[in-house]
Amino acid sequence: MSMVLEKEKVTSSRLNVRLSPDVKARISRAAHILGQDLTEFTSSTLGRYADEIIDNNEQILLSESDYRFFISELEKPATKPSEYSKRATEDYCRIFKRN
């Protein structure tokens, strides 16, 4: 019985960047040090840096006292939202939920 393995279809996208000769030379040197070509180096470095930026901006870090306050507020019985809270929610939706 023979088994046929299908290769995954690899798709890629192109990114064109204009760099100063000095920046390109430094990038090329760094890629060479790591044994990568420019495409591998650029893709892996930009991908890691993008992940770091996204992670740093999607997390909220609280001090221990702020965390305790937050938890204590969550444990309180629910109340009707204030006018300020309603406006803040509307502003958030208007600014961040545009599609």
PDB file of N, CA and C in Angstrom:
ATOM      1  N   MET A   1       0.852  -1.170   0.000  1.00  0.00           N
ATOM      2  CA  MET A   1       0.000   0.000   0.000  1.00  0.00           C
ATOM      3  C   MET A   1       0.899   1.235   0.000  1.00  0.00           C
ATOM      4  N   SER A   2       0.702   2.117  -0.932  1.00  0.00           N
ATOM      5  CA  SER A   2       1.542   3.310  -0.994  1.00  0.00           C
ATOM      6  C   SER A   2       0.818   4.503  -0.383  1.00  0.00           C
ATOM      7  N   MET A   3       1.619   5.392   0.172  1.00  0.00           N
ATOM      8  CA  MET A   3       1.044   6.565   0.798  1.00  0.00           C
ATOM      9  C   MET A   3       1.519   7.800   0.035  1.00  0.00           C
ATOM     10  N   VAL A   4       0.592   8.666  -0.268  1.00  0.00           N
ATOM     11  CA  VAL A   4       0.927   9.896  -0.968  1.00  0.00           C
ATOM     12  C   VAL A   4       0.879  11.032   0.050  1.00  0.00           C
ATOM     13  N   LEU A   5       1.986  11.735   0.166  1.00  0.00           N
ATOM     14  CA  LEU A   5       2.030  12.875   1.070  1.00  0.00           C
ATOM     15  C   LEU A   5       1.837  14.150   0.271  1.00  0.00           C
ATOM     16  N   GLU A   6       0.920  14.946   0.724  1.00  0.00           N
ATOM     17  CA  GLU A   6       0.683  16.218   0.052  1.00  0.00           C
ATOM     18  C   GLU A   6       1.559  17.285   0.682  1.00  0.00           C
ATOM     19  N   LYS A   7       2.189  18.066  -0.161  1.00  0.00           N
ATOM     20  CA  LYS A   7       2.966  19.183   0.346  1.00  0.00           C
ATOM     21  C   LYS A   7       2.008  20.314   0.687  1.00  0.00           C
ATOM     22  N   GLU A   8       2.288  20.979   1.798  1.00  0.00           N
ATOM     23  CA  GLU A   8       1.471  22.130   2.143  1.00  0.00           C
ATOM     24  C   GLU A   8       1.756  23.242   1.150  1.00  0.00           C
ATOM     25  N   LYS A   9       0.721  23.895   0.765  1.00  0.00           N
ATOM     26  CA  LYS A   9       0.887  25.002  -0.152  1.00  0.00           C
ATOM     27  C   LYS A   9       1.437  26.194   0.635  1.00  0.00           C
ATOM     28  N   VAL A  10       2.597  26.656   0.229  1.00  0.00           N
ATOM     29  CA  VAL A  10       3.229  27.767   0.919  1.00  0.00           C
ATOM     30  C   VAL A  10       2.923  29.046   0.153  1.00  0.00           C
ATOM     31  N   THR A  11       2.329  29.969   0.854  1.00  0.00           N
ATOM     32  CA  THR A  11       2.067  31.258   0.237  1.00  0.00           C
ATOM     33  C   THR A  11       2.963  32.287   0.891  1.00  0.00           C
ATOM     34  N   SER A  12       3.328  33.273   0.138  1.00  0.00           N
ATOM     35  CA  SER A  12       4.162  34.328   0.700  1.00  0.00           C
ATOM     36  C   SER A  12       3.683  35.661   0.176  1.00  0.00           C
ATOM     37  N   SER A  13       4.135  36.673   0.839  1.00  0.00           N
ATOM     38  CA  SER A  13       3.769  38.022   0.474  1.00  0.00           C
ATOM     39  C   SER A  13       5.046  38.845   0.368  1.00  0.00           C
ATOM     40  N   ARG A  14       5.039  39.836  -0.463  1.00  0.00           N
ATOM     41  CA  ARG A  14       6.242  40.637  -0.699  1.00  0.00           C
ATOM     42  C   ARG A  14       6.165  41.924   0.113  1.00  0.00           C
ATOM     43  N   LEU A  15       7.326  42.347   0.633  1.00  0.00           N
ATOM     44  CA  LEU A  15       7.466  43.610   1.348  1.00  0.00           C
ATOM     45  C   LEU A  15       8.658  44.343   0.752  1.00  0.00           C
ATOM     46  N   ASN A  16       8.418  45.491   0.179  1.00  0.00           N
ATOM     47  CA  ASN A  16       9.506  46.295  -0.392  1.00  0.00           C
ATOM     48  C   ASN A  16       9.841  47.409   0.575  1.00  0.00           C
ATOM     49  N   VAL A  17      11.127  47.569   0.860  1.00  0.00           N
ATOM     50  CA  VAL A  17      11.570  48.563   1.831  1.00  0.00           C
ATOM     51  C   VAL A  17      12.735  49.347   1.256  1.00  0.00           C
ATOM     52  N   ARG A  18      12.705  50.648   1.419  1.00  0.00           N
ATOM     53  CA  ARG A  18      13.838  51.480   1.023  1.00  0.00           C
ATOM     54  C   ARG A  18      14.666  51.764   2.268  1.00  0.00           C
ATOM     55  N   LEU A  19      15.959  51.478   2.181  1.00  0.00           N
ATOM     56  CA  LEU A  19      16.876  51.644   3.313  1.00  0.00           C
ATOM     57  C   LEU A  19      18.080  52.459   2.887  1.00  0.00           C
ATOM     58  N   SER A  20      18.691  53.098   3.852  1.00  0.00           N
ATOM     59  CA  SER A  20      19.957  53.762   3.549  1.00  0.00           C
ATOM     60  C   SER A  20      21.008  52.673   3.359  1.00  0.00           C
ATOM     61  N   PRO A  21      22.050  52.951   2.613  1.00  0.00           N
ATOM     62  CA  PRO A  21      23.101  51.940   2.418  1.00  0.00           C
ATOM     63  C   PRO A  21      23.708  51.459   3.732  1.00  0.00           C
ATOM     64  N   ASP A  22      23.839  52.351   4.702  1.00  0.00           N
ATOM     65  CA  ASP A  22      24.408  51.977   6.000  1.00  0.00           C
ATOM     66  C   ASP A  22      23.519  50.965   6.726  1.00  0.00           C
ATOM     67  N   VAL A  23      22.228  51.223   6.739  1.00  0.00           N
ATOM     68  CA  VAL A  23      21.291  50.308   7.411  1.00  0.00           C
ATOM     69  C   VAL A  23      21.295  48.956   6.712  1.00  0.00           C
ATOM     70  N   LYS A  24      21.254  48.956   5.391  1.00  0.00           N
ATOM     71  CA  LYS A  24      21.268  47.690   4.657  1.00  0.00           C
ATOM     72  C   LYS A  24      22.552  46.910   4.933  1.00  0.00           C
ATOM     73  N   ALA A  25      23.676  47.609   5.001  1.00  0.00           N
ATOM     74  CA  ALA A  25      24.948  46.940   5.281  1.00  0.00           C
ATOM     75  C   ALA A  25      24.937  46.304   6.671  1.00  0.00           C
ATOM     76  N   ARG A  26      24.399  47.002   7.650  1.00  0.00           N
ATOM     77  CA  ARG A  26      24.325  46.435   9.008  1.00  0.00           C
ATOM     78  C   ARG A  26      23.398  45.241   9.062  1.00  0.00           C
ATOM     79  N   ILE A  27      22.270  45.329   8.366  1.00  0.00           N
ATOM     80  CA  ILE A  27      21.331  44.206   8.322  1.00  0.00           C
ATOM     81  C   ILE A  27      21.983  43.013   7.635  1.00  0.00           C
ATOM     82  N   SER A  28      22.655  43.247   6.531  1.00  0.00           N
ATOM     83  CA  SER A  28      23.341  42.167   5.815  1.00  0.00           C
ATOM     84  C   SER A  28      24.408  41.517   6.690  1.00  0.00           C
ATOM     85  N   ARG A  29      25.144  42.341   7.423  1.00  0.00           N
ATOM     86  CA  ARG A  29      26.182  41.808   8.322  1.00  0.00           C
ATOM     87  C   ARG A  29      25.573  40.944   9.417  1.00  0.00           C
ATOM     88  N   ALA A  30      24.488  41.425  10.021  1.00  0.00           N
ATOM     89  CA  ALA A  30      23.818  40.658  11.077  1.00  0.00           C
ATOM     90  C   ALA A  30      23.281  39.340  10.523  1.00  0.00           C
ATOM     91  N   ALA A  31      22.687  39.375   9.341  1.00  0.00           N
ATOM     92  CA  ALA A  31      22.166  38.152   8.723  1.00  0.00           C
ATOM     93  C   ALA A  31      23.304  37.172   8.474  1.00  0.00           C
ATOM     94  N   HIS A  32      24.415  37.677   7.967  1.00  0.00           N
ATOM     95  CA  HIS A  32      25.580  36.825   7.701  1.00  0.00           C
ATOM     96  C   HIS A  32      26.099  36.179   8.992  1.00  0.00           C
ATOM     97  N   ILE A  33      26.162  36.952  10.060  1.00  0.00           N
ATOM     98  CA  ILE A  33      26.629  36.425  11.359  1.00  0.00           C
ATOM     99  C   ILE A  33      25.745  35.263  11.806  1.00  0.00           C
ATOM    100  N   LEU A  34      24.452  35.379  11.562  1.00  0.00           N
ATOM    101  CA  LEU A  34      23.510  34.320  11.968  1.00  0.00           C
ATOM    102  C   LEU A  34      23.384  33.208  10.940  1.00  0.00           C
ATOM    103  N   GLY A  35      24.067  33.355   9.813  1.00  0.00           N
ATOM    104  CA  GLY A  35      23.993  32.333   8.773  1.00  0.00           C
ATOM    105  C   GLY A  35      22.671  32.335   8.026  1.00  0.00           C
ATOM    106  N   GLN A  36      22.055  33.494   7.923  1.00  0.00           N
ATOM    107  CA  GLN A  36      20.777  33.616   7.238  1.00  0.00           C
ATOM    108  C   GLN A  36      20.936  34.516   6.021  1.00  0.00           C
ATOM    109  N   ASP A  37      20.035  34.341   5.057  1.00  0.00           N
ATOM    110  CA  ASP A  37      20.019  35.308   3.968  1.00  0.00           C
ATOM    111  C   ASP A  37      19.152  36.494   4.409  1.00  0.00           C
ATOM    112  N   LEU A  38      19.134  37.533   3.601  1.00  0.00           N
ATOM    113  CA  LEU A  38      18.397  38.743   3.986  1.00  0.00           C
ATOM    114  C   LEU A  38      16.909  38.482   4.209  1.00  0.00           C
ATOM    115  N   THR A  39      16.320  37.647   3.377  1.00  0.00           N
ATOM    116  CA  THR A  39      14.894  37.362   3.522  1.00  0.00           C
ATOM    117  C   THR A  39      14.608  36.642   4.839  1.00  0.00           C
ATOM    118  N   GLU A  40      15.384  35.598   5.138  1.00  0.00           N
ATOM    119  CA  GLU A  40      15.189  34.874   6.401  1.00  0.00           C
ATOM    120  C   GLU A  40      15.385  35.794   7.597  1.00  0.00           C
ATOM    121  N   PHE A  41      16.465  36.556   7.563  1.00  0.00           N
ATOM    122  CA  PHE A  41      16.774  37.446   8.686  1.00  0.00           C
ATOM    123  C   PHE A  41      15.676  38.494   8.870  1.00  0.00           C
ATOM    124  N   THR A  42      15.289  39.131   7.774  1.00  0.00           N
ATOM    125  CA  THR A  42      14.277  40.180   7.856  1.00  0.00           C
ATOM    126  C   THR A  42      12.946  39.623   8.342  1.00  0.00           C
ATOM    127  N   SER A  43      12.546  38.497   7.791  1.00  0.00           N
ATOM    128  CA  SER A  43      11.278  37.891   8.173  1.00  0.00           C
ATOM    129  C   SER A  43      11.269  37.489   9.647  1.00  0.00           C
ATOM    130  N   SER A  44      12.306  36.805  10.095  1.00  0.00           N
ATOM    131  CA  SER A  44      12.329  36.348  11.489  1.00  0.00           C
ATOM    132  C   SER A  44      12.456  37.513  12.464  1.00  0.00           C
ATOM    133  N   THR A  45      13.290  38.492  12.128  1.00  0.00           N
ATOM    134  CA  THR A  45      13.487  39.625  13.028  1.00  0.00           C
ATOM    135  C   THR A  45      12.242  40.498  13.110  1.00  0.00           C
ATOM    136  N   LEU A  46      11.667  40.818  11.972  1.00  0.00           N
ATOM    137  CA  LEU A  46      10.445  41.628  11.986  1.00  0.00           C
ATOM    138  C   LEU A  46       9.293  40.885  12.662  1.00  0.00           C
ATOM    139  N   GLY A  47       9.211  39.586  12.425  1.00  0.00           N
ATOM    140  CA  GLY A  47       8.158  38.792  13.066  1.00  0.00           C
ATOM    141  C   GLY A  47       8.283  38.787  14.580  1.00  0.00           C
ATOM    142  N   ARG A  48       9.507  38.571  15.077  1.00  0.00           N
ATOM    143  CA  ARG A  48       9.730  38.580  16.537  1.00  0.00           C
ATOM    144  C   ARG A  48       9.437  39.950  17.123  1.00  0.00           C
ATOM    145  N   TYR A  49       9.918  40.993  16.461  1.00  0.00           N
ATOM    146  CA  TYR A  49       9.716  42.350  16.959  1.00  0.00           C
ATOM    147  C   TYR A  49       8.233  42.717  16.937  1.00  0.00           C
ATOM    148  N   ALA A  50       7.528  42.324  15.890  1.00  0.00           N
ATOM    149  CA  ALA A  50       6.086  42.582  15.809  1.00  0.00           C
ATOM    150  C   ALA A  50       5.359  41.876  16.948  1.00  0.00           C
ATOM    151  N   ASP A  51       5.711  40.608  17.212  1.00  0.00           N
ATOM    152  CA  ASP A  51       5.089  39.868  18.318  1.00  0.00           C
ATOM    153  C   ASP A  51       5.329  40.569  19.643  1.00  0.00           C
ATOM    154  N   GLU A  52       6.552  41.039  19.849  1.00  0.00           N
ATOM    155  CA  GLU A  52       6.898  41.736  21.097  1.00  0.00           C
ATOM    156  C   GLU A  52       6.066  43.011  21.261  1.00  0.00           C
ATOM    157  N   ILE A  53       5.952  43.785  20.194  1.00  0.00           N
ATOM    158  CA  ILE A  53       5.171  45.025  20.247  1.00  0.00           C
ATOM    159  C   ILE A  53       3.700  44.724  20.524  1.00  0.00           C
ATOM    160  N   ILE A  54       3.166  43.729  19.847  1.00  0.00           N
ATOM    161  CA  ILE A  54       1.762  43.357  20.053  1.00  0.00           C
ATOM    162  C   ILE A  54       1.547  42.886  21.484  1.00  0.00           C
ATOM    163  N   ASP A  55       2.424  42.004  21.980  1.00  0.00           N
ATOM    164  CA  ASP A  55       2.299  41.515  23.354  1.00  0.00           C
ATOM    165  C   ASP A  55       2.359  42.649  24.366  1.00  0.00           C
ATOM    166  N   ASN A  56       3.294  43.574  24.169  1.00  0.00           N
ATOM    167  CA  ASN A  56       3.452  44.688  25.107  1.00  0.00           C
ATOM    168  C   ASN A  56       2.274  45.642  25.090  1.00  0.00           C
ATOM    169  N   ASN A  57       1.548  45.679  23.989  1.00  0.00           N
ATOM    170  CA  ASN A  57       0.436  46.605  23.895  1.00  0.00           C
ATOM    171  C   ASN A  57      -0.918  45.951  24.096  1.00  0.00           C
ATOM    172  N   GLU A  58      -0.953  44.653  24.256  1.00  0.00           N
ATOM    173  CA  GLU A  58      -2.223  43.970  24.504  1.00  0.00           C
ATOM    174  C   GLU A  58      -2.331  43.483  25.940  1.00  0.00           C
ATOM    175  N   GLN A  59      -1.348  43.796  26.743  1.00  0.00           N
ATOM    176  CA  GLN A  59      -1.368  43.395  28.141  1.00  0.00           C
ATOM    177  C   GLN A  59      -1.496  44.634  29.016  1.00  0.00           C
ATOM    178  N   ILE A  60      -2.164  44.468  30.119  1.00  0.00           N
ATOM    179  CA  ILE A  60      -2.254  45.531  31.111  1.00  0.00           C
ATOM    180  C   ILE A  60      -1.545  45.012  32.351  1.00  0.00           C
ATOM    181  N   LEU A  61      -0.506  45.703  32.748  1.00  0.00           N
ATOM    182  CA  LEU A  61       0.251  45.303  33.927  1.00  0.00           C
ATOM    183  C   LEU A  61      -0.156  46.186  35.100  1.00  0.00           C
ATOM    184  N   LEU A  62      -0.540  45.551  36.195  1.00  0.00           N
ATOM    185  CA  LEU A  62      -0.983  46.278  37.378  1.00  0.00           C
ATOM    186  C   LEU A  62      -0.021  46.048  38.534  1.00  0.00           C
ATOM    187  N   SER A  63       0.082  47.064  39.372  1.00  0.00           N
ATOM    188  CA  SER A  63       0.820  46.870  40.617  1.00  0.00           C
ATOM    189  C   SER A  63      -0.010  45.930  41.492  1.00  0.00           C
ATOM    190  N   GLU A  64       0.583  45.422  42.539  1.00  0.00           N
ATOM    191  CA  GLU A  64      -0.146  44.499  43.416  1.00  0.00           C
ATOM    192  C   GLU A  64      -1.342  45.187  44.057  1.00  0.00           C
ATOM    193  N   SER A  65      -1.178  46.441  44.477  1.00  0.00           N
ATOM    194  CA  SER A  65      -2.300  47.153  45.105  1.00  0.00           C
ATOM    195  C   SER A  65      -3.409  47.436  44.097  1.00  0.00           C
ATOM    196  N   ASP A  66      -3.036  47.803  42.858  1.00  0.00           N
ATOM    197  CA  ASP A  66      -4.045  48.016  41.826  1.00  0.00           C
ATOM    198  C   ASP A  66      -4.772  46.723  41.496  1.00  0.00           C
ATOM    199  N   TYR A  67      -4.048  45.603  41.476  1.00  0.00           N
ATOM    200  CA  TYR A  67      -4.659  44.305  41.204  1.00  0.00           C
ATOM    201  C   TYR A  67      -5.677  43.964  42.303  1.00  0.00           C
ATOM    202  N   ARG A  68      -5.285  44.164  43.559  1.00  0.00           N
ATOM    203  CA  ARG A  68      -6.205  43.871  44.677  1.00  0.00           C
ATOM    204  C   ARG A  68      -7.457  44.747  44.575  1.00  0.00           C
ATOM    205  N   PHE A  69      -7.274  46.027  44.244  1.00  0.00           N
ATOM    206  CA  PHE A  69      -8.415  46.931  44.075  1.00  0.00           C
ATOM    207  C   PHE A  69      -9.321  46.432  42.950  1.00  0.00           C
ATOM    208  N   PHE A  70      -8.732  46.054  41.828  1.00  0.00           N
ATOM    209  CA  PHE A  70      -9.497  45.564  40.678  1.00  0.00           C
ATOM    210  C   PHE A  70     -10.325  44.344  41.060  1.00  0.00           C
ATOM    211  N   ILE A  71      -9.695  43.387  41.717  1.00  0.00           N
ATOM    212  CA  ILE A  71     -10.401  42.173  42.137  1.00  0.00           C
ATOM    213  C   ILE A  71     -11.517  42.500  43.122  1.00  0.00           C
ATOM    214  N   SER A  72     -11.246  43.400  44.064  1.00  0.00           N
ATOM    215  CA  SER A  72     -12.287  43.750  45.047  1.00  0.00           C
ATOM    216  C   SER A  72     -13.480  44.420  44.355  1.00  0.00           C
ATOM    217  N   GLU A  73     -13.210  45.209  43.325  1.00  0.00           N
ATOM    218  CA  GLU A  73     -14.310  45.837  42.584  1.00  0.00           C
ATOM    219  C   GLU A  73     -15.123  44.789  41.823  1.00  0.00           C
ATOM    220  N   LEU A  74     -14.453  43.777  41.293  1.00  0.00           N
ATOM    221  CA  LEU A  74     -15.170  42.715  40.577  1.00  0.00           C
ATOM    222  C   LEU A  74     -16.055  41.903  41.513  1.00  0.00           C
ATOM    223  N   GLU A  75     -15.653  41.802  42.750  1.00  0.00           N
ATOM    224  CA  GLU A  75     -16.404  40.995  43.714  1.00  0.00           C
ATOM    225  C   GLU A  75     -17.626  41.713  44.268  1.00  0.00           C
ATOM    226  N   LYS A  76     -17.729  43.007  44.045  1.00  0.00           N
ATOM    227  CA  LYS A  76     -18.880  43.769  44.523  1.00  0.00           C
ATOM    228  C   LYS A  76     -20.099  43.458  43.663  1.00  0.00           C
ATOM    229  N   PRO A  77     -21.301  43.621  44.247  1.00  0.00           N
ATOM    230  CA  PRO A  77     -22.515  43.418  43.450  1.00  0.00           C
ATOM    231  C   PRO A  77     -22.559  44.402  42.281  1.00  0.00           C
ATOM    232  N   ALA A  78     -23.129  43.965  41.186  1.00  0.00           N
ATOM    233  CA  ALA A  78     -23.217  44.804  39.990  1.00  0.00           C
ATOM    234  C   ALA A  78     -24.141  45.984  40.234  1.00  0.00           C
ATOM    235  N   THR A  79     -23.773  47.128  39.699  1.00  0.00           N
ATOM    236  CA  THR A  79     -24.611  48.320  39.785  1.00  0.00           C
ATOM    237  C   THR A  79     -24.867  48.815  38.368  1.00  0.00           C
ATOM    238  N   LYS A  80     -25.801  49.733  38.245  1.00  0.00           N
ATOM    239  CA  LYS A  80     -26.061  50.328  36.936  1.00  0.00           C
ATOM    240  C   LYS A  80     -24.873  51.213  36.567  1.00  0.00           C
ATOM    241  N   PRO A  81     -24.500  51.230  35.292  1.00  0.00           N
ATOM    242  CA  PRO A  81     -23.363  52.053  34.886  1.00  0.00           C
ATOM    243  C   PRO A  81     -23.674  53.543  35.022  1.00  0.00           C
ATOM    244  N   SER A  82     -22.665  54.306  35.410  1.00  0.00           N
ATOM    245  CA  SER A  82     -22.822  55.754  35.533  1.00  0.00           C
ATOM    246  C   SER A  82     -22.843  56.375  34.136  1.00  0.00           C
ATOM    247  N   GLU A  83     -23.235  57.635  34.072  1.00  0.00           N
ATOM    248  CA  GLU A  83     -23.220  58.344  32.790  1.00  0.00           C
ATOM    249  C   GLU A  83     -21.788  58.413  32.252  1.00  0.00           C
ATOM    250  N   TYR A  84     -20.824  58.609  33.150  1.00  0.00           N
ATOM    251  CA  TYR A  84     -19.418  58.652  32.746  1.00  0.00           C
ATOM    252  C   TYR A  84     -19.015  57.325  32.106  1.00  0.00           C
ATOM    253  N   SER A  85     -19.415  56.209  32.721  1.00  0.00           N
ATOM    254  CA  SER A  85     -19.086  54.889  32.180  1.00  0.00           C
ATOM    255  C   SER A  85     -19.722  54.674  30.818  1.00  0.00           C
ATOM    256  N   LYS A  86     -20.950  55.126  30.673  1.00  0.00           N
ATOM    257  CA  LYS A  86     -21.626  54.980  29.389  1.00  0.00           C
ATOM    258  C   LYS A  86     -20.911  55.772  28.303  1.00  0.00           C
ATOM    259  N   ARG A  87     -20.519  57.018  28.606  1.00  0.00           N
ATOM    260  CA  ARG A  87     -19.799  57.839  27.633  1.00  0.00           C
ATOM    261  C   ARG A  87     -18.445  57.222  27.302  1.00  0.00           C
ATOM    262  N   ALA A  88     -17.753  56.702  28.319  1.00  0.00           N
ATOM    263  CA  ALA A  88     -16.451  56.076  28.091  1.00  0.00           C
ATOM    264  C   ALA A  88     -16.599  54.862  27.181  1.00  0.00           C
ATOM    265  N   THR A  89     -17.644  54.080  27.374  1.00  0.00           N
ATOM    266  CA  THR A  89     -17.896  52.911  26.531  1.00  0.00           C
ATOM    267  C   THR A  89     -18.193  53.336  25.099  1.00  0.00           C
ATOM    268  N   GLU A  90     -19.006  54.357  24.940  1.00  0.00           N
ATOM    269  CA  GLU A  90     -19.314  54.863  23.597  1.00  0.00           C
ATOM    270  C   GLU A  90     -18.053  55.370  22.907  1.00  0.00           C
ATOM    271  N   ASP A  91     -17.219  56.106  23.650  1.00  0.00           N
ATOM    272  CA  ASP A  91     -15.960  56.608  23.082  1.00  0.00           C
ATOM    273  C   ASP A  91     -15.061  55.459  22.656  1.00  0.00           C
ATOM    274  N   TYR A  92     -14.958  54.450  23.511  1.00  0.00           N
ATOM    275  CA  TYR A  92     -14.118  53.287  23.193  1.00  0.00           C
ATOM    276  C   TYR A  92     -14.610  52.614  21.911  1.00  0.00           C
ATOM    277  N   CYS A  93     -15.895  52.384  21.835  1.00  0.00           N
ATOM    278  CA  CYS A  93     -16.456  51.722  20.656  1.00  0.00           C
ATOM    279  C   CYS A  93     -16.244  52.556  19.398  1.00  0.00           C
ATOM    280  N   ARG A  94     -16.411  53.862  19.527  1.00  0.00           N
ATOM    281  CA  ARG A  94     -16.232  54.743  18.377  1.00  0.00           C
ATOM    282  C   ARG A  94     -14.784  54.746  17.908  1.00  0.00           C
ATOM    283  N   ILE A  95     -13.837  54.747  18.826  1.00  0.00           N
ATOM    284  CA  ILE A  95     -12.417  54.851  18.476  1.00  0.00           C
ATOM    285  C   ILE A  95     -11.822  53.514  18.063  1.00  0.00           C
ATOM    286  N   PHE A  96     -12.076  52.458  18.824  1.00  0.00           N
ATOM    287  CA  PHE A  96     -11.371  51.197  18.628  1.00  0.00           C
ATOM    288  C   PHE A  96     -12.139  50.135  17.867  1.00  0.00           C
ATOM    289  N   LYS A  97     -13.404  50.276  17.693  1.00  0.00           N
ATOM    290  CA  LYS A  97     -14.165  49.224  17.042  1.00  0.00           C
ATOM    291  C   LYS A  97     -14.638  49.632  15.662  1.00  0.00           C
ATOM    292  N   ARG A  98     -13.857  50.498  15.021  1.00  0.00           N
ATOM    293  CA  ARG A  98     -14.176  50.878  13.643  1.00  0.00           C
ATOM    294  C   ARG A  98     -13.783  49.733  12.725  1.00  0.00           C
ATOM    295  N   ASN A  99     -14.663  49.340  11.849  1.00  0.00           N
ATOM    296  CA  ASN A  99     -14.346  48.276  10.875  1.00  0.00           C
ATOM    297  C   ASN A  99     -14.742  48.684   9.506  1.00  0.00           C
TER     298      ASN A  99
END
